[in-house]
Amino acid sequence: MTRHSDSDSDSEVAAVCRSDDDSRSPKRCATCGAAIDPTARHPAATAPDGSGVVYLFCSTDCRTVWTAEATE
């Protein structure tokens, strides 16, 4: 039986959230544009169209606003 830790899923999410050109470049909140530290944990959501695109947010409030607007 294979056991997976929380760090396994964190690594998978981190890999998806990195840009191909430079993972150290500042990321921006998809709602308000605030800078996001790519090494810190932040709320995330996938595109509602099923494309698998992952968006990062500076707060759960911004994720809630974005999710509401994306599903209208």
PDB file of N, CA and C in Angstrom:
ATOM      1  N   MET A   1       0.849  -1.183   0.000  1.00  0.00           N
ATOM      2  CA  MET A   1       0.000   0.000   0.000  1.00  0.00           C
ATOM      3  C   MET A   1       0.889   1.238   0.000  1.00  0.00           C
ATOM      4  N   THR A   2       0.617   2.158  -0.904  1.00  0.00           N
ATOM      5  CA  THR A   2       1.382   3.396  -0.982  1.00  0.00           C
ATOM      6  C   THR A   2       0.732   4.439  -0.095  1.00  0.00           C
ATOM      7  N   ARG A   3       1.542   5.074   0.708  1.00  0.00           N
ATOM      8  CA  ARG A   3       1.034   6.129   1.582  1.00  0.00           C
ATOM      9  C   ARG A   3       1.458   7.471   1.019  1.00  0.00           C
ATOM     10  N   HIS A   4       0.536   8.390   1.000  1.00  0.00           N
ATOM     11  CA  HIS A   4       0.814   9.743   0.523  1.00  0.00           C
ATOM     12  C   HIS A   4       0.679  10.704   1.685  1.00  0.00           C
ATOM     13  N   SER A   5       1.617  11.598   1.780  1.00  0.00           N
ATOM     14  CA  SER A   5       1.553  12.601   2.843  1.00  0.00           C
ATOM     15  C   SER A   5       1.006  13.898   2.284  1.00  0.00           C
ATOM     16  N   ASP A   6       0.669  14.818   3.167  1.00  0.00           N
ATOM     17  CA  ASP A   6       0.220  16.139   2.733  1.00  0.00           C
ATOM     18  C   ASP A   6       1.278  16.822   1.901  1.00  0.00           C
ATOM     19  N   SER A   7       2.545  16.571   2.188  1.00  0.00           N
ATOM     20  CA  SER A   7       3.610  17.222   1.431  1.00  0.00           C
ATOM     21  C   SER A   7       3.620  16.757  -0.014  1.00  0.00           C
ATOM     22  N   ASP A   8       3.154  15.512  -0.298  1.00  0.00           N
ATOM     23  CA  ASP A   8       3.061  15.047  -1.677  1.00  0.00           C
ATOM     24  C   ASP A   8       2.081  15.912  -2.456  1.00  0.00           C
ATOM     25  N   SER A   9       0.906  16.154  -1.901  1.00  0.00           N
ATOM     26  CA  SER A   9      -0.077  16.964  -2.604  1.00  0.00           C
ATOM     27  C   SER A   9       0.379  18.415  -2.700  1.00  0.00           C
ATOM     28  N   ASP A  10       1.060  18.916  -1.679  1.00  0.00           N
ATOM     29  CA  ASP A  10       1.594  20.274  -1.734  1.00  0.00           C
ATOM     30  C   ASP A  10       2.593  20.400  -2.877  1.00  0.00           C
ATOM     31  N   SER A  11       3.430  19.397  -3.063  1.00  0.00           N
ATOM     32  CA  SER A  11       4.418  19.427  -4.138  1.00  0.00           C
ATOM     33  C   SER A  11       3.744  19.439  -5.497  1.00  0.00           C
ATOM     34  N   GLU A  12       2.682  18.650  -5.640  1.00  0.00           N
ATOM     35  CA  GLU A  12       1.958  18.618  -6.905  1.00  0.00           C
ATOM     36  C   GLU A  12       1.334  19.973  -7.211  1.00  0.00           C
ATOM     37  N   VAL A  13       0.709  20.588  -6.214  1.00  0.00           N
ATOM     38  CA  VAL A  13       0.100  21.907  -6.409  1.00  0.00           C
ATOM     39  C   VAL A  13       1.175  22.939  -6.722  1.00  0.00           C
ATOM     40  N   ALA A  14       2.282  22.899  -6.004  1.00  0.00           N
ATOM     41  CA  ALA A  14       3.370  23.850  -6.244  1.00  0.00           C
ATOM     42  C   ALA A  14       3.900  23.715  -7.659  1.00  0.00           C
ATOM     43  N   ALA A  15       4.025  22.495  -8.157  1.00  0.00           N
ATOM     44  CA  ALA A  15       4.530  22.284  -9.512  1.00  0.00           C
ATOM     45  C   ALA A  15       3.573  22.862 -10.545  1.00  0.00           C
ATOM     46  N   VAL A  16       2.279  22.727 -10.319  1.00  0.00           N
ATOM     47  CA  VAL A  16       1.289  23.259 -11.247  1.00  0.00           C
ATOM     48  C   VAL A  16       1.295  24.779 -11.238  1.00  0.00           C
ATOM     49  N   CYS A  17       1.517  25.375 -10.073  1.00  0.00           N
ATOM     50  CA  CYS A  17       1.430  26.823  -9.929  1.00  0.00           C
ATOM     51  C   CYS A  17       2.669  27.557 -10.420  1.00  0.00           C
ATOM     52  N   ARG A  18       3.772  26.849 -10.596  1.00  0.00           N
ATOM     53  CA  ARG A  18       4.986  27.508 -11.084  1.00  0.00           C
ATOM     54  C   ARG A  18       4.844  27.834 -12.557  1.00  0.00           C
ATOM     55  N   SER A  19       5.390  28.970 -12.951  1.00  0.00           N
ATOM     56  CA  SER A  19       5.414  29.295 -14.373  1.00  0.00           C
ATOM     57  C   SER A  19       6.595  28.572 -14.999  1.00  0.00           C
ATOM     58  N   ASP A  20       6.522  28.310 -16.304  1.00  0.00           N
ATOM     59  CA  ASP A  20       7.591  27.601 -16.994  1.00  0.00           C
ATOM     60  C   ASP A  20       8.845  28.445 -17.141  1.00  0.00           C
ATOM     61  N   ASP A  21       8.683  29.761 -17.227  1.00  0.00           N
ATOM     62  CA  ASP A  21       9.842  30.603 -17.502  1.00  0.00           C
ATOM     63  C   ASP A  21      10.674  30.924 -16.269  1.00  0.00           C
ATOM     64  N   ASP A  22      10.078  31.170 -15.122  1.00  0.00           N
ATOM     65  CA  ASP A  22      10.855  31.509 -13.930  1.00  0.00           C
ATOM     66  C   ASP A  22       9.991  31.346 -12.692  1.00  0.00           C
ATOM     67  N   SER A  23      10.211  30.296 -11.934  1.00  0.00           N
ATOM     68  CA  SER A  23       9.370  30.027 -10.767  1.00  0.00           C
ATOM     69  C   SER A  23       9.592  31.025  -9.643  1.00  0.00           C
ATOM     70  N   ARG A  24      10.642  31.833  -9.732  1.00  0.00           N
ATOM     71  CA  ARG A  24      10.897  32.827  -8.683  1.00  0.00           C
ATOM     72  C   ARG A  24      10.243  34.164  -8.989  1.00  0.00           C
ATOM     73  N   SER A  25       9.652  34.309 -10.165  1.00  0.00           N
ATOM     74  CA  SER A  25       9.019  35.576 -10.511  1.00  0.00           C
ATOM     75  C   SER A  25       7.778  35.773  -9.643  1.00  0.00           C
ATOM     76  N   PRO A  26       7.451  37.027  -9.331  1.00  0.00           N
ATOM     77  CA  PRO A  26       6.287  37.274  -8.476  1.00  0.00           C
ATOM     78  C   PRO A  26       5.006  36.807  -9.156  1.00  0.00           C
ATOM     79  N   LYS A  27       4.138  36.194  -8.401  1.00  0.00           N
ATOM     80  CA  LYS A  27       2.821  35.804  -8.889  1.00  0.00           C
ATOM     81  C   LYS A  27       1.850  36.883  -8.441  1.00  0.00           C
ATOM     82  N   ARG A  28       0.700  36.940  -9.089  1.00  0.00           N
ATOM     83  CA  ARG A  28      -0.307  37.949  -8.771  1.00  0.00           C
ATOM     84  C   ARG A  28      -1.637  37.290  -8.466  1.00  0.00           C
ATOM     85  N   CYS A  29      -2.360  37.884  -7.535  1.00  0.00           N
ATOM     86  CA  CYS A  29      -3.702  37.434  -7.196  1.00  0.00           C
ATOM     87  C   CYS A  29      -4.586  37.603  -8.429  1.00  0.00           C
ATOM     88  N   ALA A  30      -5.353  36.568  -8.763  1.00  0.00           N
ATOM     89  CA  ALA A  30      -6.211  36.612  -9.943  1.00  0.00           C
ATOM     90  C   ALA A  30      -7.352  37.617  -9.801  1.00  0.00           C
ATOM     91  N   THR A  31      -7.667  38.043  -8.588  1.00  0.00           N
ATOM     92  CA  THR A  31      -8.759  38.990  -8.370  1.00  0.00           C
ATOM     93  C   THR A  31      -8.267  40.424  -8.262  1.00  0.00           C
ATOM     94  N   CYS A  32      -7.343  40.687  -7.350  1.00  0.00           N
ATOM     95  CA  CYS A  32      -6.951  42.073  -7.072  1.00  0.00           C
ATOM     96  C   CYS A  32      -5.567  42.441  -7.598  1.00  0.00           C
ATOM     97  N   GLY A  33      -4.785  41.462  -8.025  1.00  0.00           N
ATOM     98  CA  GLY A  33      -3.461  41.747  -8.570  1.00  0.00           C
ATOM     99  C   GLY A  33      -2.360  41.900  -7.538  1.00  0.00           C
ATOM    100  N   ALA A  34      -2.659  41.652  -6.259  1.00  0.00           N
ATOM    101  CA  ALA A  34      -1.634  41.756  -5.214  1.00  0.00           C
ATOM    102  C   ALA A  34      -0.538  40.717  -5.459  1.00  0.00           C
ATOM    103  N   ALA A  35       0.691  41.073  -5.117  1.00  0.00           N
ATOM    104  CA  ALA A  35       1.815  40.147  -5.273  1.00  0.00           C
ATOM    105  C   ALA A  35       1.647  38.961  -4.328  1.00  0.00           C
ATOM    106  N   ILE A  36       2.006  37.779  -4.822  1.00  0.00           N
ATOM    107  CA  ILE A  36       1.919  36.547  -4.038  1.00  0.00           C
ATOM    108  C   ILE A  36       3.292  35.903  -4.014  1.00  0.00           C
ATOM    109  N   ASP A  37       3.757  35.554  -2.830  1.00  0.00           N
ATOM    110  CA  ASP A  37       5.027  34.851  -2.673  1.00  0.00           C
ATOM    111  C   ASP A  37       4.841  33.415  -3.168  1.00  0.00           C
ATOM    112  N   PRO A  38       5.547  32.996  -4.228  1.00  0.00           N
ATOM    113  CA  PRO A  38       5.339  31.652  -4.776  1.00  0.00           C
ATOM    114  C   PRO A  38       5.800  30.533  -3.850  1.00  0.00           C
ATOM    115  N   THR A  39       6.539  30.867  -2.790  1.00  0.00           N
ATOM    116  CA  THR A  39       6.993  29.831  -1.861  1.00  0.00           C
ATOM    117  C   THR A  39       6.043  29.655  -0.681  1.00  0.00           C
ATOM    118  N   ALA A  40       5.029  30.511  -0.568  1.00  0.00           N
ATOM    119  CA  ALA A  40       4.071  30.443   0.541  1.00  0.00           C
ATOM    120  C   ALA A  40       2.775  29.782   0.079  1.00  0.00           C
ATOM    121  N   ARG A  41       2.000  29.300   1.033  1.00  0.00           N
ATOM    122  CA  ARG A  41       0.699  28.701   0.716  1.00  0.00           C
ATOM    123  C   ARG A  41      -0.339  29.797   0.524  1.00  0.00           C
ATOM    124  N   HIS A  42      -1.146  29.636  -0.512  1.00  0.00           N
ATOM    125  CA  HIS A  42      -2.215  30.584  -0.804  1.00  0.00           C
ATOM    126  C   HIS A  42      -3.426  29.827  -1.317  1.00  0.00           C
ATOM    127  N   PRO A  43      -4.630  30.415  -1.170  1.00  0.00           N
ATOM    128  CA  PRO A  43      -5.815  29.783  -1.735  1.00  0.00           C
ATOM    129  C   PRO A  43      -5.662  29.669  -3.249  1.00  0.00           C
ATOM    130  N   ALA A  44      -6.230  28.620  -3.818  1.00  0.00           N
ATOM    131  CA  ALA A  44      -6.168  28.413  -5.257  1.00  0.00           C
ATOM    132  C   ALA A  44      -7.510  27.891  -5.743  1.00  0.00           C
ATOM    133  N   ALA A  45      -7.752  28.051  -7.042  1.00  0.00           N
ATOM    134  CA  ALA A  45      -8.958  27.511  -7.665  1.00  0.00           C
ATOM    135  C   ALA A  45      -8.612  27.154  -9.097  1.00  0.00           C
ATOM    136  N   THR A  46      -9.318  26.180  -9.640  1.00  0.00           N
ATOM    137  CA  THR A  46      -9.124  25.835 -11.044  1.00  0.00           C
ATOM    138  C   THR A  46     -10.194  26.517 -11.878  1.00  0.00           C
ATOM    139  N   ALA A  47      -9.889  26.713 -13.145  1.00  0.00           N
ATOM    140  CA  ALA A  47     -10.827  27.359 -14.053  1.00  0.00           C
ATOM    141  C   ALA A  47     -12.104  26.528 -14.154  1.00  0.00           C
ATOM    142  N   PRO A  48     -13.273  27.178 -14.160  1.00  0.00           N
ATOM    143  CA  PRO A  48     -14.534  26.438 -14.208  1.00  0.00           C
ATOM    144  C   PRO A  48     -14.789  25.763 -15.554  1.00  0.00           C
ATOM    145  N   ASP A  49     -13.996  26.081 -16.577  1.00  0.00           N
ATOM    146  CA  ASP A  49     -14.205  25.485 -17.898  1.00  0.00           C
ATOM    147  C   ASP A  49     -13.570  24.105 -18.042  1.00  0.00           C
ATOM    148  N   GLY A  50     -12.943  23.608 -16.967  1.00  0.00           N
ATOM    149  CA  GLY A  50     -12.346  22.283 -17.003  1.00  0.00           C
ATOM    150  C   GLY A  50     -10.993  22.220 -17.681  1.00  0.00           C
ATOM    151  N   SER A  51     -10.384  23.371 -17.972  1.00  0.00           N
ATOM    152  CA  SER A  51      -9.090  23.407 -18.663  1.00  0.00           C
ATOM    153  C   SER A  51      -7.934  23.006 -17.760  1.00  0.00           C
ATOM    154  N   GLY A  52      -8.160  23.006 -16.444  1.00  0.00           N
ATOM    155  CA  GLY A  52      -7.107  22.642 -15.506  1.00  0.00           C
ATOM    156  C   GLY A  52      -6.200  23.791 -15.126  1.00  0.00           C
ATOM    157  N   VAL A  53      -6.469  24.997 -15.619  1.00  0.00           N
ATOM    158  CA  VAL A  53      -5.673  26.167 -15.263  1.00  0.00           C
ATOM    159  C   VAL A  53      -5.887  26.463 -13.786  1.00  0.00           C
ATOM    160  N   VAL A  54      -4.788  26.680 -13.060  1.00  0.00           N
ATOM    161  CA  VAL A  54      -4.859  26.962 -11.625  1.00  0.00           C
ATOM    162  C   VAL A  54      -4.604  28.443 -11.394  1.00  0.00           C
ATOM    163  N   TYR A  55      -5.494  29.090 -10.649  1.00  0.00           N
ATOM    164  CA  TYR A  55      -5.358  30.497 -10.304  1.00  0.00           C
ATOM    165  C   TYR A  55      -5.035  30.610  -8.823  1.00  0.00           C
ATOM    166  N   LEU A  56      -4.128  31.528  -8.488  1.00  0.00           N
ATOM    167  CA  LEU A  56      -3.759  31.782  -7.094  1.00  0.00           C
ATOM    168  C   LEU A  56      -4.420  33.063  -6.601  1.00  0.00           C
ATOM    169  N   PHE A  57      -4.655  33.128  -5.298  1.00  0.00           N
ATOM    170  CA  PHE A  57      -5.307  34.279  -4.686  1.00  0.00           C
ATOM    171  C   PHE A  57      -4.576  34.675  -3.420  1.00  0.00           C
ATOM    172  N   CYS A  58      -4.616  35.970  -3.088  1.00  0.00           N
ATOM    173  CA  CYS A  58      -3.944  36.460  -1.885  1.00  0.00           C
ATOM    174  C   CYS A  58      -4.736  36.125  -0.629  1.00  0.00           C
ATOM    175  N   SER A  59      -6.032  35.857  -0.771  1.00  0.00           N
ATOM    176  CA  SER A  59      -6.878  35.559   0.390  1.00  0.00           C
ATOM    177  C   SER A  59      -8.076  34.722  -0.040  1.00  0.00           C
ATOM    178  N   THR A  60      -8.745  34.145   0.935  1.00  0.00           N
ATOM    179  CA  THR A  60      -9.961  33.391   0.624  1.00  0.00           C
ATOM    180  C   THR A  60     -11.066  34.328   0.139  1.00  0.00           C
ATOM    181  N   ASP A  61     -11.057  35.578   0.602  1.00  0.00           N
ATOM    182  CA  ASP A  61     -12.051  36.549   0.129  1.00  0.00           C
ATOM    183  C   ASP A  61     -11.912  36.775  -1.372  1.00  0.00           C
ATOM    184  N   CYS A  62     -10.672  36.948  -1.849  1.00  0.00           N
ATOM    185  CA  CYS A  62     -10.451  37.148  -3.285  1.00  0.00           C
ATOM    186  C   CYS A  62     -10.853  35.907  -4.074  1.00  0.00           C
ATOM    187  N   ARG A  63     -10.575  34.721  -3.531  1.00  0.00           N
ATOM    188  CA  ARG A  63     -10.976  33.487  -4.218  1.00  0.00           C
ATOM    189  C   ARG A  63     -12.497  33.409  -4.307  1.00  0.00           C
ATOM    190  N   THR A  64     -13.197  33.799  -3.246  1.00  0.00           N
ATOM    191  CA  THR A  64     -14.658  33.769  -3.239  1.00  0.00           C
ATOM    192  C   THR A  64     -15.223  34.713  -4.293  1.00  0.00           C
ATOM    193  N   VAL A  65     -14.681  35.919  -4.385  1.00  0.00           N
ATOM    194  CA  VAL A  65     -15.130  36.899  -5.382  1.00  0.00           C
ATOM    195  C   VAL A  65     -14.892  36.359  -6.785  1.00  0.00           C
ATOM    196  N   TRP A  66     -13.690  35.839  -7.047  1.00  0.00           N
ATOM    197  CA  TRP A  66     -13.336  35.321  -8.372  1.00  0.00           C
ATOM    198  C   TRP A  66     -14.243  34.153  -8.757  1.00  0.00           C
ATOM    199  N   THR A  67     -14.471  33.242  -7.810  1.00  0.00           N
ATOM    200  CA  THR A  67     -15.301  32.073  -8.089  1.00  0.00           C
ATOM    201  C   THR A  67     -16.727  32.491  -8.435  1.00  0.00           C
ATOM    202  N   ALA A  68     -17.263  33.457  -7.707  1.00  0.00           N
ATOM    203  CA  ALA A  68     -18.620  33.942  -7.979  1.00  0.00           C
ATOM    204  C   ALA A  68     -18.704  34.572  -9.364  1.00  0.00           C
ATOM    205  N   GLU A  69     -17.706  35.366  -9.733  1.00  0.00           N
ATOM    206  CA  GLU A  69     -17.702  36.021 -11.042  1.00  0.00           C
ATOM    207  C   GLU A  69     -17.463  35.019 -12.167  1.00  0.00           C
ATOM    208  N   ALA A  70     -16.627  34.020 -11.934  1.00  0.00           N
ATOM    209  CA  ALA A  70     -16.288  33.039 -12.973  1.00  0.00           C
ATOM    210  C   ALA A  70     -17.452  32.111 -13.295  1.00  0.00           C
ATOM    211  N   THR A  71     -18.367  31.945 -12.368  1.00  0.00           N
ATOM    212  CA  THR A  71     -19.487  31.031 -12.589  1.00  0.00           C
ATOM    213  C   THR A  71     -20.775  31.748 -12.983  1.00  0.00           C
ATOM    214  N   GLU A  72     -20.723  33.054 -13.168  1.00  0.00           N
ATOM    215  CA  GLU A  72     -21.927  33.806 -13.569  1.00  0.00           C
ATOM    216  C   GLU A  72     -22.264  33.532 -15.005  1.00  0.00           C
TER     217      GLU A  72
END
